Protein backbone atom coordinates (compact mmCIF):
# COMPACT_ATOMS: atom_id res chain seq x y z
CA UNK A 1 16.28 -35.71 18.61
CA UNK A 2 13.76 -37.75 20.87
CA UNK A 3 15.60 -35.95 23.64
CA UNK A 4 14.53 -32.25 22.05
CA UNK A 5 10.83 -33.51 21.25
CA UNK A 6 10.37 -34.89 24.96
CA UNK A 7 12.18 -31.48 26.26
CA UNK A 8 9.16 -29.65 23.92
CA UNK A 9 6.22 -31.75 25.09
CA UNK A 10 7.44 -31.31 28.54
CA UNK A 11 7.62 -27.29 28.17
CA UNK A 12 4.27 -27.72 26.39
CA UNK A 13 2.70 -29.44 28.92
CA UNK A 14 3.95 -27.13 31.85
CA UNK A 15 1.75 -24.38 29.91
CA UNK A 16 -0.78 -26.05 29.38
CA UNK A 17 -3.93 -24.80 31.23
CA UNK A 18 -5.61 -21.67 30.81
CA UNK A 19 -6.37 -21.91 27.18
CA UNK A 20 -6.50 -25.60 27.35
CA UNK A 21 -9.04 -25.69 30.00
CA UNK A 22 -11.46 -22.41 28.92
CA UNK A 23 -11.51 -23.87 25.32
CA UNK A 24 -13.09 -27.32 26.50
CA UNK A 25 -15.13 -25.86 29.07
CA UNK A 26 -16.65 -23.90 25.35
CA UNK A 27 -17.81 -27.45 25.38
CA UNK A 28 -20.20 -27.12 28.20
CA UNK A 29 -24.00 -28.55 28.23
CA UNK A 30 -25.30 -25.87 26.39
CA UNK A 31 -22.86 -26.82 23.07
CA UNK A 32 -23.21 -30.49 23.71
CA UNK A 33 -27.01 -30.16 23.05
CA UNK A 34 -26.45 -27.93 20.06
CA UNK A 35 -24.13 -30.52 18.65
CA UNK A 36 -26.67 -33.24 19.29
CA UNK A 37 -29.10 -31.31 17.96
CA UNK A 38 -27.12 -30.36 14.46
CA UNK A 39 -26.42 -33.95 14.09
CA UNK A 40 -30.09 -35.16 14.95
CA UNK A 41 -31.61 -32.99 12.21
CA UNK A 42 -28.70 -32.69 9.42
CA UNK A 43 -26.66 -35.80 10.02
CA UNK A 44 -22.93 -35.06 9.54
CA UNK A 45 -23.47 -31.91 7.90
CA UNK A 46 -22.47 -29.60 10.24
CA UNK A 47 -18.91 -31.15 10.70
CA UNK A 48 -17.42 -29.09 8.40
CA UNK A 49 -18.66 -25.87 10.04
CA UNK A 50 -16.87 -27.13 13.21
CA UNK A 51 -13.75 -27.21 11.35
CA UNK A 52 -13.99 -23.93 10.35
CA UNK A 53 -14.51 -22.31 13.19
CA UNK A 54 -10.85 -23.27 14.86
CA UNK A 55 -8.93 -20.16 13.74
CA UNK A 56 -12.21 -17.92 14.61
CA UNK A 57 -12.31 -19.62 17.78
CA UNK A 58 -7.95 -19.44 18.15
CA UNK A 59 -7.99 -15.66 16.75
CA UNK A 60 -10.02 -14.03 19.51
CA UNK A 61 -8.70 -15.88 22.43
CA UNK A 62 -5.02 -15.49 21.33
CA UNK A 63 -5.94 -12.03 22.13
CA UNK A 64 -6.92 -12.45 25.66
CA UNK A 65 -3.79 -14.30 26.40
CA UNK A 66 -1.61 -11.69 24.96
CA UNK A 67 -3.17 -8.82 26.75
CA UNK A 68 -2.83 -11.13 29.96
CA UNK A 69 1.55 -12.29 29.29
CA UNK A 70 2.15 -8.68 28.12
CA UNK A 71 0.28 -6.86 30.63
CA UNK A 72 0.38 -9.27 33.78
CA UNK A 73 -3.35 -7.72 34.34
CA UNK A 74 -6.80 -9.35 33.80
CA UNK A 75 -9.49 -8.30 31.44
CA UNK A 76 -11.36 -6.20 33.97
CA UNK A 77 -8.31 -4.50 35.32
CA UNK A 78 -7.11 -3.35 31.83
CA UNK A 79 -10.53 -1.67 31.20
CA UNK A 80 -10.67 -0.15 34.79
CA UNK A 81 -7.24 1.29 34.10
CA UNK A 82 -7.65 2.90 30.44
CA UNK A 83 -11.47 3.37 29.95
CA UNK A 84 -12.51 4.07 33.85
CA UNK A 85 -14.01 2.45 36.88
CA UNK A 86 -17.98 3.13 35.51
CA UNK A 87 -16.99 0.83 32.13
CA UNK A 88 -15.32 -1.82 34.01
CA UNK A 89 -18.63 -1.56 36.66
CA UNK A 90 -21.25 -1.70 33.51
CA UNK A 91 -19.03 -4.41 31.89
CA UNK A 92 -18.96 -6.76 35.22
CA UNK A 93 -22.94 -6.25 35.73
CA UNK A 94 -23.76 -7.29 32.25
CA UNK A 95 -21.30 -10.13 32.52
CA UNK A 96 -23.02 -11.31 35.61
CA UNK A 97 -26.55 -12.13 33.09
CA UNK A 98 -24.23 -14.09 30.99
CA UNK A 99 -22.42 -16.16 33.86
CA UNK A 100 -26.25 -16.36 35.46
CA UNK A 101 -27.56 -18.59 32.54
CA UNK A 102 -24.67 -20.36 31.80
CA UNK A 103 -24.45 -21.69 35.55
CA UNK A 104 -28.42 -22.83 35.28
CA UNK A 105 -27.17 -24.50 31.86
CA UNK A 106 -24.29 -26.39 33.38
CA UNK A 107 -26.14 -27.41 36.81
CA UNK A 108 -29.15 -28.51 34.18
CA UNK A 109 -26.55 -30.69 32.63
CA UNK A 110 -25.06 -32.09 36.27
CA UNK A 111 -28.88 -32.72 37.10
CA UNK A 112 -29.43 -34.78 33.80
CA UNK A 113 -26.28 -36.63 33.68
CA UNK A 114 -27.44 -37.69 37.45
CA UNK A 115 -30.89 -38.65 36.15
CA UNK A 116 -30.05 -40.64 33.37
CA UNK A 117 -29.22 -43.51 35.89
CA UNK A 118 -32.03 -42.22 38.43
CA UNK A 119 -29.91 -40.35 40.94
CA UNK A 120 -32.25 -37.60 42.38
CA UNK A 121 -30.93 -33.82 41.26
CA UNK A 122 -30.85 -33.04 44.49
CA UNK A 123 -27.96 -35.04 45.35
CA UNK A 124 -26.08 -34.79 42.40
CA UNK A 125 -26.52 -30.66 42.30
CA UNK A 126 -25.63 -30.89 46.27
CA UNK A 127 -22.76 -32.77 45.56
CA UNK A 128 -21.33 -30.89 42.92
CA UNK A 129 -21.55 -27.66 44.69
CA UNK A 130 -19.57 -29.04 47.33
CA UNK A 131 -16.76 -30.39 45.14
CA UNK A 132 -16.78 -26.74 43.20
CA UNK A 133 -16.43 -25.19 46.69
CA UNK A 134 -13.93 -27.14 48.17
CA UNK A 135 -11.52 -27.10 45.09
CA UNK A 136 -11.35 -23.57 44.94
CA UNK A 137 -10.79 -23.24 48.78
CA UNK A 138 -7.87 -25.16 48.37
CA UNK A 139 -5.85 -21.81 47.81
CA UNK A 140 -3.68 -22.86 45.34
CA UNK A 141 -3.82 -22.05 41.63
CA UNK A 142 -1.69 -25.04 40.28
CA UNK A 143 -3.64 -27.37 42.40
CA UNK A 144 -6.84 -26.04 40.92
CA UNK A 145 -5.56 -26.02 37.42
CA UNK A 146 -4.79 -29.45 37.81
CA UNK A 147 -8.36 -30.32 39.14
CA UNK A 148 -10.25 -28.63 35.89
CA UNK A 149 -7.46 -30.36 33.49
CA UNK A 150 -8.61 -33.70 34.68
CA UNK A 151 -12.49 -32.53 34.34
CA UNK A 152 -11.34 -31.57 31.02
CA UNK A 153 -9.79 -34.74 29.75
CA UNK A 154 -12.79 -36.77 31.22
CA UNK A 155 -15.15 -34.68 29.17
CA UNK A 156 -13.07 -36.78 25.99
CA UNK A 157 -14.54 -40.36 27.32
CA UNK A 158 -17.46 -39.29 25.01
CA UNK A 159 -15.50 -40.40 22.40
CA UNK A 160 -15.97 -44.01 22.94
CA UNK A 161 -19.70 -43.42 23.30
CA UNK A 162 -19.76 -41.98 19.68
CA UNK A 163 -18.02 -44.84 18.66
CA UNK A 164 -20.32 -47.19 20.22
CA UNK A 165 -23.25 -45.53 18.03
CA UNK A 166 -21.33 -47.10 15.00
CA UNK A 167 -21.03 -43.94 12.79
CA UNK A 168 -21.16 -44.53 8.79
CA UNK A 169 -17.56 -43.29 8.34
CA UNK A 170 -18.35 -42.85 4.39
CA UNK A 171 -21.30 -40.47 5.30
CA UNK A 172 -19.24 -38.34 7.12
CA UNK A 173 -17.00 -37.87 4.26
CA UNK A 174 -20.03 -37.66 1.60
CA UNK A 175 -21.84 -34.89 4.28
CA UNK A 176 -18.46 -32.92 4.33
CA UNK A 177 -18.13 -32.56 0.45
CA UNK A 178 -21.60 -32.86 -0.60
CA UNK A 179 -23.64 -29.43 -1.09
CA UNK A 180 -25.01 -27.34 1.61
CA UNK A 181 -28.79 -26.89 2.55
CA UNK A 182 -27.89 -22.98 2.98
CA UNK A 183 -31.58 -22.45 1.59
CA UNK A 184 -33.17 -24.10 4.56
CA UNK A 185 -34.09 -21.62 7.40
CA UNK A 186 -33.73 -24.86 9.96
CA UNK A 187 -30.13 -24.98 8.86
CA UNK A 188 -29.40 -21.25 8.79
CA UNK A 189 -30.56 -21.25 12.60
CA UNK A 190 -28.39 -24.27 13.39
CA UNK A 191 -25.02 -22.54 11.75
CA UNK A 192 -25.95 -19.28 13.74
CA UNK A 193 -26.55 -21.18 16.75
CA UNK A 194 -22.75 -23.10 16.64
CA UNK A 195 -21.36 -20.29 15.41
CA UNK A 196 -22.64 -18.29 18.15
CA UNK A 197 -21.48 -20.99 21.00
CA UNK A 198 -18.20 -20.64 19.93
CA UNK A 199 -17.20 -17.24 22.00
CA UNK A 200 -18.73 -16.46 25.10
CA UNK A 201 -17.87 -13.47 27.08
CA UNK A 202 -17.07 -15.47 30.15
CA UNK A 203 -14.01 -16.97 27.93
CA UNK A 204 -12.24 -14.11 27.38
CA UNK A 205 -12.59 -13.11 30.98
CA UNK A 206 -11.09 -15.95 32.26
CA UNK A 207 -8.17 -16.80 30.00
CA UNK A 208 -6.87 -13.07 30.77
CA UNK A 209 -7.36 -13.50 34.42
CA UNK A 210 -6.11 -17.26 34.48
CA UNK A 211 -3.06 -16.32 32.31
CA UNK A 212 -2.45 -13.64 34.99
CA UNK A 213 -2.91 -15.93 38.31
CA UNK A 214 -0.55 -18.67 36.31
CA UNK A 215 1.98 -16.49 36.56
CA UNK A 216 2.60 -16.16 32.14
CA UNK A 217 4.60 -13.26 30.76
CA UNK A 218 5.89 -12.63 27.30
CA UNK A 219 8.65 -15.20 27.73
CA UNK A 220 5.75 -17.61 27.53
CA UNK A 221 3.81 -16.40 25.08
CA UNK A 222 4.77 -19.05 22.31
CA UNK A 223 3.92 -21.54 24.31
CA UNK A 224 0.65 -20.14 25.66
CA UNK A 225 -0.12 -19.88 22.08
CA UNK A 226 0.42 -23.73 21.92
CA UNK A 227 -1.94 -24.13 24.76
CA UNK A 228 -4.66 -22.19 22.82
CA UNK A 229 -4.07 -23.88 19.60
CA UNK A 230 -4.25 -26.92 21.49
CA UNK A 231 -7.68 -26.36 22.87
CA UNK A 232 -9.31 -24.79 19.66
CA UNK A 233 -8.63 -28.13 18.01
CA UNK A 234 -9.76 -30.48 20.78
CA UNK A 235 -13.09 -28.54 22.09
CA UNK A 236 -14.23 -28.57 18.08
CA UNK A 237 -13.01 -32.18 17.73
CA UNK A 238 -15.45 -32.64 20.61
CA UNK A 239 -18.27 -30.64 19.03
CA UNK A 240 -17.90 -33.06 16.27
CA UNK A 241 -18.14 -36.23 18.20
CA UNK A 242 -21.49 -34.42 19.66
CA UNK A 243 -22.79 -33.89 15.80
CA UNK A 244 -21.24 -37.64 15.37
CA UNK A 245 -23.60 -38.91 18.31
CA UNK A 246 -26.82 -37.07 17.18
CA UNK A 247 -26.45 -38.14 13.97
CA UNK A 248 -25.53 -42.14 14.37
CA UNK A 249 -28.69 -42.30 16.61
CA UNK A 250 -31.33 -39.94 16.16
CA UNK A 251 -30.78 -38.90 12.93
CA UNK A 252 -30.58 -42.36 11.72
CA UNK A 253 -33.79 -43.53 13.86
CA UNK A 254 -35.76 -40.18 12.89
CA UNK A 255 -36.15 -39.29 16.54
CA UNK A 256 -36.08 -35.75 17.98
CA UNK A 257 -33.59 -34.07 20.58
CA UNK A 258 -36.11 -33.26 23.38
CA UNK A 259 -33.59 -33.31 26.66
CA UNK A 260 -30.34 -35.35 27.23
CA UNK A 261 -32.27 -37.50 29.95
CA UNK A 262 -34.81 -38.39 26.78
CA UNK A 263 -31.97 -38.53 24.63
CA UNK A 264 -30.16 -41.07 26.83
CA UNK A 265 -33.03 -43.61 27.11
CA UNK A 266 -33.73 -43.16 23.47
CA UNK A 267 -30.19 -43.95 22.49
CA UNK A 268 -29.69 -46.95 24.85
CA UNK A 269 -30.52 -49.96 22.93
CA UNK A 270 -28.18 -48.47 20.28
CA UNK A 271 -25.05 -47.93 22.46
CA UNK A 272 -26.02 -49.72 25.42
CA UNK A 273 -25.59 -49.31 29.30
CA UNK A 274 -21.57 -49.07 28.86
CA UNK A 275 -22.22 -46.41 26.38
CA UNK A 276 -24.82 -44.89 28.15
CA UNK A 277 -22.30 -44.39 31.11
CA UNK A 278 -19.80 -43.18 29.13
CA UNK A 279 -21.98 -40.54 27.82
CA UNK A 280 -23.13 -39.41 31.18
CA UNK A 281 -19.51 -39.25 32.74
CA UNK A 282 -18.72 -36.74 29.82
CA UNK A 283 -21.38 -34.86 30.24
CA UNK A 284 -20.84 -34.43 33.79
CA UNK A 285 -17.52 -33.55 33.30
CA UNK A 286 -18.06 -30.76 30.85
CA UNK A 287 -20.81 -29.52 33.21
CA UNK A 288 -18.63 -29.37 35.92
CA UNK A 289 -15.41 -28.23 34.27
CA UNK A 290 -17.83 -24.75 32.60
CA UNK A 291 -19.62 -24.67 35.96
CA UNK A 292 -15.58 -23.65 37.32
CA UNK A 293 -14.71 -21.67 34.71
CA UNK A 294 -17.82 -19.81 34.51
CA UNK A 295 -18.02 -18.74 37.88
CA UNK A 296 -14.24 -18.13 39.05
CA UNK A 297 -14.46 -15.63 35.67
CA UNK A 298 -16.97 -13.40 37.40
CA UNK A 299 -15.09 -13.77 40.81
CA UNK A 300 -11.76 -12.81 39.16
CA UNK A 301 -13.68 -9.83 36.93
CA UNK A 302 -15.52 -8.71 39.87
CA UNK A 303 -11.82 -8.28 41.84
CA UNK A 304 -10.25 -6.54 38.99
CA UNK A 305 -13.16 -3.81 38.65
CA UNK A 306 -13.57 -3.03 42.67
CA UNK A 307 -9.95 -3.78 43.25
CA UNK A 308 -10.35 -6.44 45.84
CA UNK A 309 -7.95 -9.28 46.44
CA UNK A 310 -8.91 -11.75 43.29
CA UNK A 311 -6.24 -14.75 43.13
CA UNK A 312 -6.77 -18.81 43.68
CA UNK A 313 -3.27 -18.50 45.11
CA UNK A 314 -4.68 -16.62 48.39
CA UNK A 315 -6.58 -18.08 51.28
CA UNK A 316 -10.26 -17.33 52.29
CA UNK A 317 -8.97 -15.01 54.94
CA UNK A 318 -7.19 -13.15 52.44
CA UNK A 319 -9.67 -12.88 49.54
CA UNK A 320 -13.02 -13.30 51.32
CA UNK A 321 -15.03 -10.90 48.62
CA UNK A 322 -13.37 -13.18 46.00
CA UNK A 323 -14.51 -16.50 47.19
CA UNK A 324 -17.66 -15.28 48.40
CA UNK A 325 -18.88 -14.08 45.01
CA UNK A 326 -17.47 -17.67 43.77
CA UNK A 327 -19.64 -19.33 46.34
CA UNK A 328 -22.62 -17.09 45.67
CA UNK A 329 -23.23 -17.63 42.08
CA UNK A 330 -22.97 -21.11 42.42
CA UNK A 331 -25.23 -21.46 45.57
CA UNK A 332 -27.99 -19.11 43.93
CA UNK A 333 -27.85 -21.29 40.72
CA UNK A 334 -27.84 -24.38 42.37
CA UNK A 335 -30.98 -23.30 44.14
CA UNK A 336 -33.05 -22.38 41.37
CA UNK A 337 -32.14 -25.50 39.44
CA UNK A 338 -33.60 -27.61 42.96
CA UNK A 339 -37.20 -25.45 42.59
CA UNK A 340 -39.53 -28.31 42.12
CA UNK A 341 -41.47 -27.51 38.69
CA UNK A 342 -39.56 -24.68 37.74
CA UNK A 343 -39.67 -23.65 34.00
CA UNK A 344 -36.42 -24.27 33.43
CA UNK A 345 -36.04 -23.83 29.74
CA UNK A 346 -38.26 -20.76 29.70
CA UNK A 347 -36.01 -19.24 32.56
CA UNK A 348 -32.83 -19.95 30.32
CA UNK A 349 -34.02 -18.33 27.28
CA UNK A 350 -34.67 -15.18 29.17
CA UNK A 351 -31.77 -14.99 30.65
CA UNK A 352 -29.59 -15.71 27.94
CA UNK A 353 -30.98 -13.27 25.58
CA UNK A 354 -28.50 -11.09 27.39
CA UNK A 355 -25.81 -13.09 25.46
CA UNK A 356 -25.88 -11.55 22.21
CA UNK A 357 -26.00 -7.83 23.97
CA UNK A 358 -23.05 -8.35 26.26
CA UNK A 359 -20.81 -9.98 23.65
CA UNK A 360 -20.51 -7.08 21.64
CA UNK A 361 -19.46 -5.05 24.55
CA UNK A 362 -16.84 -7.54 25.78
CA UNK A 363 -15.29 -8.09 22.23
CA UNK A 364 -15.62 -4.02 21.76
CA UNK A 365 -13.35 -3.65 24.37
CA UNK A 366 -11.08 -6.72 23.35
CA UNK A 367 -10.57 -5.14 20.34
CA UNK A 368 -9.67 -1.95 21.52
CA UNK A 369 -7.13 -2.72 23.86
CA UNK A 370 -5.40 -5.01 21.30
CA UNK A 371 -5.54 -1.75 19.00
CA UNK A 372 -4.10 0.13 21.71
CA UNK A 373 0.15 0.27 20.90
CA UNK A 374 0.99 1.66 24.71
CA UNK A 375 -0.39 -1.58 25.78
CA UNK A 376 1.22 -3.82 23.78
CA UNK A 377 3.89 -2.13 22.43
CA UNK A 378 6.54 -4.40 20.47
CA UNK A 379 3.88 -6.95 20.51
CA UNK A 380 1.18 -4.69 19.15
CA UNK A 381 -0.73 -6.52 16.02
CA UNK A 382 -0.36 -5.83 12.47
CA UNK A 383 -3.00 -3.70 10.68
CA UNK A 384 -4.01 -6.95 8.57
CA UNK A 385 -4.47 -8.80 11.89
CA UNK A 386 -6.46 -6.01 13.19
CA UNK A 387 -8.93 -6.07 10.16
CA UNK A 388 -9.06 -9.86 9.85
CA UNK A 389 -10.11 -9.28 14.36
CA UNK A 390 -12.69 -6.37 13.37
CA UNK A 391 -14.39 -8.83 10.64
CA UNK A 392 -14.36 -11.97 12.41
CA UNK A 393 -15.75 -9.93 15.67
CA UNK A 394 -18.81 -8.17 13.66
CA UNK A 395 -19.62 -11.74 12.34
CA UNK A 396 -19.53 -13.06 16.06
CA UNK A 397 -21.56 -9.99 17.44
CA UNK A 398 -23.90 -10.41 14.36
CA UNK A 399 -24.95 -13.90 15.01
CA UNK A 400 -24.82 -13.42 18.79
CA UNK A 401 -27.69 -11.15 18.66
CA UNK A 402 -29.63 -12.99 15.93
CA UNK A 403 -29.49 -16.10 17.68
CA UNK A 404 -30.67 -14.28 21.05
CA UNK A 405 -33.61 -13.06 19.41
CA UNK A 406 -37.09 -14.67 19.57
CA UNK A 407 -37.92 -16.82 16.42
CA UNK A 408 -41.52 -17.26 15.23
């Protein structure tokens, strides 16, 4: 029995990667800020929503891994094959807007984590750019994945930071079982923001392409689902940790959340220097992980769309276009973040307005591909399962557009 259990754990660890990594990357700087803001404004009430979102996240991402395992092709490649190169180019170009906005957010998180300890952002950004480029140029998917897993697990260092905030566990339970203020517009906006951040277009591209690059097939489908399921629970658990951090500090002492730097300075007397260190490390790890996932997802999509080499298992000379695209989006985003006095918040809002409009395109193609029995064959979904996916996708699309519109 023990031997079988150990074997099962080993098999799961062997598959662990695409699903877990992309899920933890979803807990990026933007999601961390959303979680803290949720706790700062409504204490622990939005913890229940994080639990409810777990199956929604899993159901959508499971389609990506299934398409990757069954076809051995990435999302962009399938769109090109079944719906033509023009549609593939259209989706990839629009994906760039989402990728670019996400990278600005991640580098802002990197800069904030350094500034908490008075490290100038030029140093934290340049070092981080070097790490992101160096890791990928190693030319082996397995090694890159292991480093991404390291950053994924490093993100969990936020947990002891939340514990040091001494949350009121009784209040957590009371907030979960009590009535929710659904009549308040501000609360509804936070609900929409949390749901809208669950599925990002780059997540779909990354998981399917990573599944292919890792060499997973139909034989690995069961364990790949386990990888995705574990990731679904893990990322929402981190969102709960973020809510607890905001509720146990800012809400308790009636302080607003304005930025990561101001947040760290405000809660320093509460969780201490050690707690601030843990928070900064966790924020940095999650921002770096997301920066990698976002960048490589676009590089993969570009290769699949235009038909050039796009594998992390190739050397630079064999995949110059693939690596050049990856490096370019990282460097350009870093340069913009380093511009003095740039209105970063306004810039991110303007670019991220594309998110709500790109998501329907990506989810639309995902659903159409999943509905095609010629693609999934014996692994096709039942009509009941497809109906559930249609319903959830429509809800995500509506909320994505809702959160992308300016609020007056």
